[in-house]
Amino acid sequence: MSNRSCSNCDFFHTDRTPRPGTMARGQCRSYPPVAIANPRPTATEGSRTETLVLSRWPVVNADDWCGEFSAKPPTAKPTA
């Protein structure tokens, strides 16, 4: 049985190598990005706020896991 961690899941996506001494992290792409409301003060009127809506995939650690696990397909070995 394979290790059912995010790093072995087909939905796990990372675009960088972790810094030494830090845990590998990436995005879980099992579902579409989640909308996040980010209220912040306006630049012109500090008492009013405006809401910036962002969408992001959840950030997970490589050794996390969930019930949506789907094993990565085997990589094809190049033929000589």
N, C-alpha and C. Protein backbone atom coordinates (compact mmCIF):
# COMPACT_ATOMS: atom_id res chain seq x y z
N MET A 1 0.84 -1.19 0.00
CA MET A 1 0.00 0.00 0.00
C MET A 1 0.88 1.24 0.00
N SER A 2 0.52 2.23 -0.78
CA SER A 2 1.33 3.44 -0.89
C SER A 2 1.12 4.35 0.32
N ASN A 3 2.05 5.24 0.53
CA ASN A 3 1.93 6.25 1.59
C ASN A 3 0.90 7.27 1.13
N ARG A 4 -0.21 7.39 1.85
CA ARG A 4 -1.30 8.26 1.45
C ARG A 4 -1.10 9.68 1.96
N SER A 5 0.01 10.29 1.63
CA SER A 5 0.27 11.67 2.02
C SER A 5 0.10 12.57 0.80
N CYS A 6 -0.04 13.86 1.06
CA CYS A 6 -0.24 14.82 -0.04
C CYS A 6 0.88 14.75 -1.08
N SER A 7 2.11 14.54 -0.64
CA SER A 7 3.22 14.52 -1.59
C SER A 7 3.11 13.38 -2.60
N ASN A 8 2.33 12.34 -2.29
CA ASN A 8 2.14 11.22 -3.20
C ASN A 8 0.80 11.27 -3.93
N CYS A 9 0.08 12.39 -3.78
CA CYS A 9 -1.26 12.53 -4.36
C CYS A 9 -1.21 13.27 -5.70
N ASP A 10 -2.06 12.85 -6.61
CA ASP A 10 -2.13 13.48 -7.93
C ASP A 10 -2.64 14.92 -7.86
N PHE A 11 -3.38 15.27 -6.80
CA PHE A 11 -3.93 16.62 -6.65
C PHE A 11 -2.94 17.60 -6.04
N PHE A 12 -1.82 17.12 -5.52
CA PHE A 12 -0.83 17.98 -4.85
C PHE A 12 0.03 18.66 -5.91
N HIS A 13 0.18 19.98 -5.78
CA HIS A 13 0.97 20.75 -6.74
C HIS A 13 1.93 21.66 -5.98
N THR A 14 3.20 21.56 -6.29
CA THR A 14 4.18 22.47 -5.71
C THR A 14 5.01 23.06 -6.84
N ASP A 15 5.33 24.32 -6.73
CA ASP A 15 6.09 24.97 -7.79
C ASP A 15 7.48 25.41 -7.33
N ARG A 16 7.88 24.98 -6.15
CA ARG A 16 9.21 25.36 -5.68
C ARG A 16 9.79 24.29 -4.76
N THR A 17 11.08 24.31 -4.63
CA THR A 17 11.78 23.41 -3.73
C THR A 17 11.82 24.07 -2.36
N PRO A 18 11.51 23.30 -1.29
CA PRO A 18 11.51 23.93 0.04
C PRO A 18 12.91 24.36 0.46
N ARG A 19 12.95 25.41 1.27
CA ARG A 19 14.23 25.85 1.82
C ARG A 19 14.74 24.80 2.78
N PRO A 20 16.06 24.69 2.95
CA PRO A 20 16.60 23.71 3.89
C PRO A 20 16.03 23.95 5.30
N GLY A 21 15.64 22.88 5.96
CA GLY A 21 15.10 22.97 7.30
C GLY A 21 13.62 23.29 7.37
N THR A 22 12.95 23.42 6.23
CA THR A 22 11.51 23.69 6.23
C THR A 22 10.76 22.53 5.60
N MET A 23 9.51 22.40 5.94
CA MET A 23 8.68 21.33 5.39
C MET A 23 8.19 21.71 4.00
N ALA A 24 8.13 20.73 3.13
CA ALA A 24 7.61 20.97 1.78
C ALA A 24 6.12 21.29 1.87
N ARG A 25 5.69 22.30 1.12
CA ARG A 25 4.29 22.70 1.08
C ARG A 25 3.85 22.83 -0.37
N GLY A 26 2.56 22.80 -0.58
CA GLY A 26 2.04 22.94 -1.92
C GLY A 26 0.55 23.23 -1.87
N GLN A 27 -0.08 23.16 -3.03
CA GLN A 27 -1.51 23.43 -3.15
C GLN A 27 -2.27 22.13 -3.35
N CYS A 28 -3.43 22.02 -2.71
CA CYS A 28 -4.33 20.89 -2.95
C CYS A 28 -5.30 21.31 -4.03
N ARG A 29 -5.26 20.62 -5.15
CA ARG A 29 -6.11 20.97 -6.28
C ARG A 29 -7.19 19.92 -6.54
N SER A 30 -7.70 19.32 -5.45
CA SER A 30 -8.76 18.32 -5.63
C SER A 30 -10.09 18.98 -5.98
N TYR A 31 -10.28 20.23 -5.61
CA TYR A 31 -11.48 21.00 -5.91
C TYR A 31 -11.06 22.36 -6.47
N PRO A 32 -11.99 23.13 -7.05
CA PRO A 32 -11.65 24.46 -7.55
C PRO A 32 -11.16 25.38 -6.43
N PRO A 33 -10.48 26.47 -6.79
CA PRO A 33 -10.02 27.42 -5.76
C PRO A 33 -11.18 27.94 -4.92
N VAL A 34 -10.86 28.33 -3.70
CA VAL A 34 -11.84 28.84 -2.75
C VAL A 34 -11.76 30.37 -2.73
N ALA A 35 -12.93 31.04 -2.77
CA ALA A 35 -12.96 32.51 -2.71
C ALA A 35 -12.73 32.95 -1.27
N ILE A 36 -11.88 33.95 -1.09
CA ILE A 36 -11.54 34.48 0.23
C ILE A 36 -11.78 35.98 0.21
N ALA A 37 -12.64 36.46 1.11
CA ALA A 37 -12.89 37.90 1.22
C ALA A 37 -11.81 38.50 2.12
N ASN A 38 -11.20 39.58 1.67
CA ASN A 38 -10.12 40.23 2.40
C ASN A 38 -10.48 41.70 2.62
N PRO A 39 -11.22 42.02 3.71
CA PRO A 39 -11.56 43.43 3.96
C PRO A 39 -10.31 44.22 4.34
N ARG A 40 -10.22 45.43 3.86
CA ARG A 40 -9.07 46.28 4.19
C ARG A 40 -9.49 47.75 4.13
N PRO A 41 -8.80 48.62 4.87
CA PRO A 41 -9.14 50.05 4.83
C PRO A 41 -8.87 50.61 3.44
N THR A 42 -9.69 51.57 3.02
CA THR A 42 -9.45 52.22 1.74
C THR A 42 -8.25 53.15 1.87
N ALA A 43 -7.64 53.45 0.77
CA ALA A 43 -6.46 54.31 0.79
C ALA A 43 -6.84 55.76 1.08
N THR A 44 -8.02 56.18 0.64
CA THR A 44 -8.41 57.58 0.79
C THR A 44 -9.17 57.86 2.08
N GLU A 45 -9.96 56.90 2.54
CA GLU A 45 -10.75 57.11 3.75
C GLU A 45 -10.49 55.95 4.71
N GLY A 46 -9.70 56.19 5.75
CA GLY A 46 -9.31 55.14 6.67
C GLY A 46 -10.46 54.52 7.44
N SER A 47 -11.60 55.24 7.56
CA SER A 47 -12.73 54.69 8.33
C SER A 47 -13.58 53.73 7.49
N ARG A 48 -13.47 53.79 6.19
CA ARG A 48 -14.23 52.89 5.32
C ARG A 48 -13.36 51.71 4.92
N THR A 49 -14.00 50.63 4.61
CA THR A 49 -13.25 49.46 4.13
C THR A 49 -13.76 49.05 2.77
N GLU A 50 -12.91 48.42 2.03
CA GLU A 50 -13.30 47.80 0.77
C GLU A 50 -12.92 46.33 0.87
N THR A 51 -13.59 45.51 0.14
CA THR A 51 -13.32 44.08 0.20
C THR A 51 -12.71 43.63 -1.11
N LEU A 52 -11.55 43.03 -0.99
CA LEU A 52 -10.86 42.44 -2.12
C LEU A 52 -11.13 40.94 -2.06
N VAL A 53 -11.66 40.38 -3.12
CA VAL A 53 -11.97 38.95 -3.14
C VAL A 53 -10.88 38.24 -3.93
N LEU A 54 -10.25 37.29 -3.30
CA LEU A 54 -9.19 36.49 -3.92
C LEU A 54 -9.68 35.06 -4.06
N SER A 55 -9.07 34.30 -4.91
CA SER A 55 -9.36 32.86 -4.95
C SER A 55 -8.04 32.11 -4.91
N ARG A 56 -8.01 31.11 -4.06
CA ARG A 56 -6.79 30.34 -3.83
C ARG A 56 -7.12 28.87 -3.62
N TRP A 57 -6.19 28.00 -3.99
CA TRP A 57 -6.27 26.61 -3.60
C TRP A 57 -5.73 26.52 -2.18
N PRO A 58 -6.26 25.62 -1.38
CA PRO A 58 -5.72 25.47 -0.02
C PRO A 58 -4.25 25.08 -0.03
N VAL A 59 -3.47 25.66 0.88
CA VAL A 59 -2.06 25.31 1.03
C VAL A 59 -1.97 24.21 2.07
N VAL A 60 -1.25 23.14 1.73
CA VAL A 60 -1.11 21.99 2.61
C VAL A 60 0.36 21.61 2.74
N ASN A 61 0.69 20.93 3.81
CA ASN A 61 2.03 20.37 3.98
C ASN A 61 2.12 19.06 3.21
N ALA A 62 3.31 18.74 2.75
CA ALA A 62 3.51 17.53 1.95
C ALA A 62 3.17 16.26 2.71
N ASP A 63 3.31 16.27 4.04
CA ASP A 63 3.01 15.06 4.80
C ASP A 63 1.58 15.04 5.35
N ASP A 64 0.73 16.02 4.96
CA ASP A 64 -0.70 15.99 5.31
C ASP A 64 -1.39 14.90 4.49
N TRP A 65 -2.65 14.66 4.78
CA TRP A 65 -3.44 13.71 4.00
C TRP A 65 -4.92 14.02 4.19
N CYS A 66 -5.76 13.50 3.30
CA CYS A 66 -7.21 13.67 3.44
C CYS A 66 -7.90 12.51 2.75
N GLY A 67 -9.22 12.51 2.76
CA GLY A 67 -10.00 11.44 2.15
C GLY A 67 -10.11 11.52 0.64
N GLU A 68 -9.59 12.57 0.03
CA GLU A 68 -9.66 12.73 -1.43
C GLU A 68 -8.43 12.18 -2.13
N PHE A 69 -7.58 11.46 -1.42
CA PHE A 69 -6.31 10.98 -1.97
C PHE A 69 -6.51 10.22 -3.28
N SER A 70 -5.67 10.55 -4.26
CA SER A 70 -5.63 9.84 -5.54
C SER A 70 -4.16 9.67 -5.90
N ALA A 71 -3.70 8.44 -5.94
CA ALA A 71 -2.27 8.17 -6.17
C ALA A 71 -1.82 8.77 -7.51
N LYS A 72 -0.61 9.30 -7.50
CA LYS A 72 -0.04 9.83 -8.74
C LYS A 72 0.16 8.67 -9.72
N PRO A 73 -0.12 8.90 -11.00
CA PRO A 73 0.13 7.82 -11.97
C PRO A 73 1.62 7.55 -12.09
N PRO A 74 1.98 6.33 -12.38
CA PRO A 74 3.42 6.04 -12.54
C PRO A 74 4.00 6.85 -13.69
N THR A 75 5.21 7.30 -13.51
CA THR A 75 5.87 8.07 -14.56
C THR A 75 6.46 7.11 -15.59
N ALA A 76 6.33 7.47 -16.84
CA ALA A 76 6.88 6.64 -17.90
C ALA A 76 8.40 6.81 -17.95
N LYS A 77 9.09 5.71 -18.07
CA LYS A 77 10.55 5.76 -18.18
C LYS A 77 10.91 5.97 -19.64
N PRO A 78 11.82 6.91 -19.92
CA PRO A 78 12.20 7.14 -21.32
C PRO A 78 12.89 5.91 -21.90
N THR A 79 12.59 5.61 -23.14
CA THR A 79 13.23 4.49 -23.81
C THR A 79 14.44 5.00 -24.58
N ALA A 80 15.46 4.23 -24.58
CA ALA A 80 16.69 4.63 -25.26
C ALA A 80 16.72 4.21 -26.69
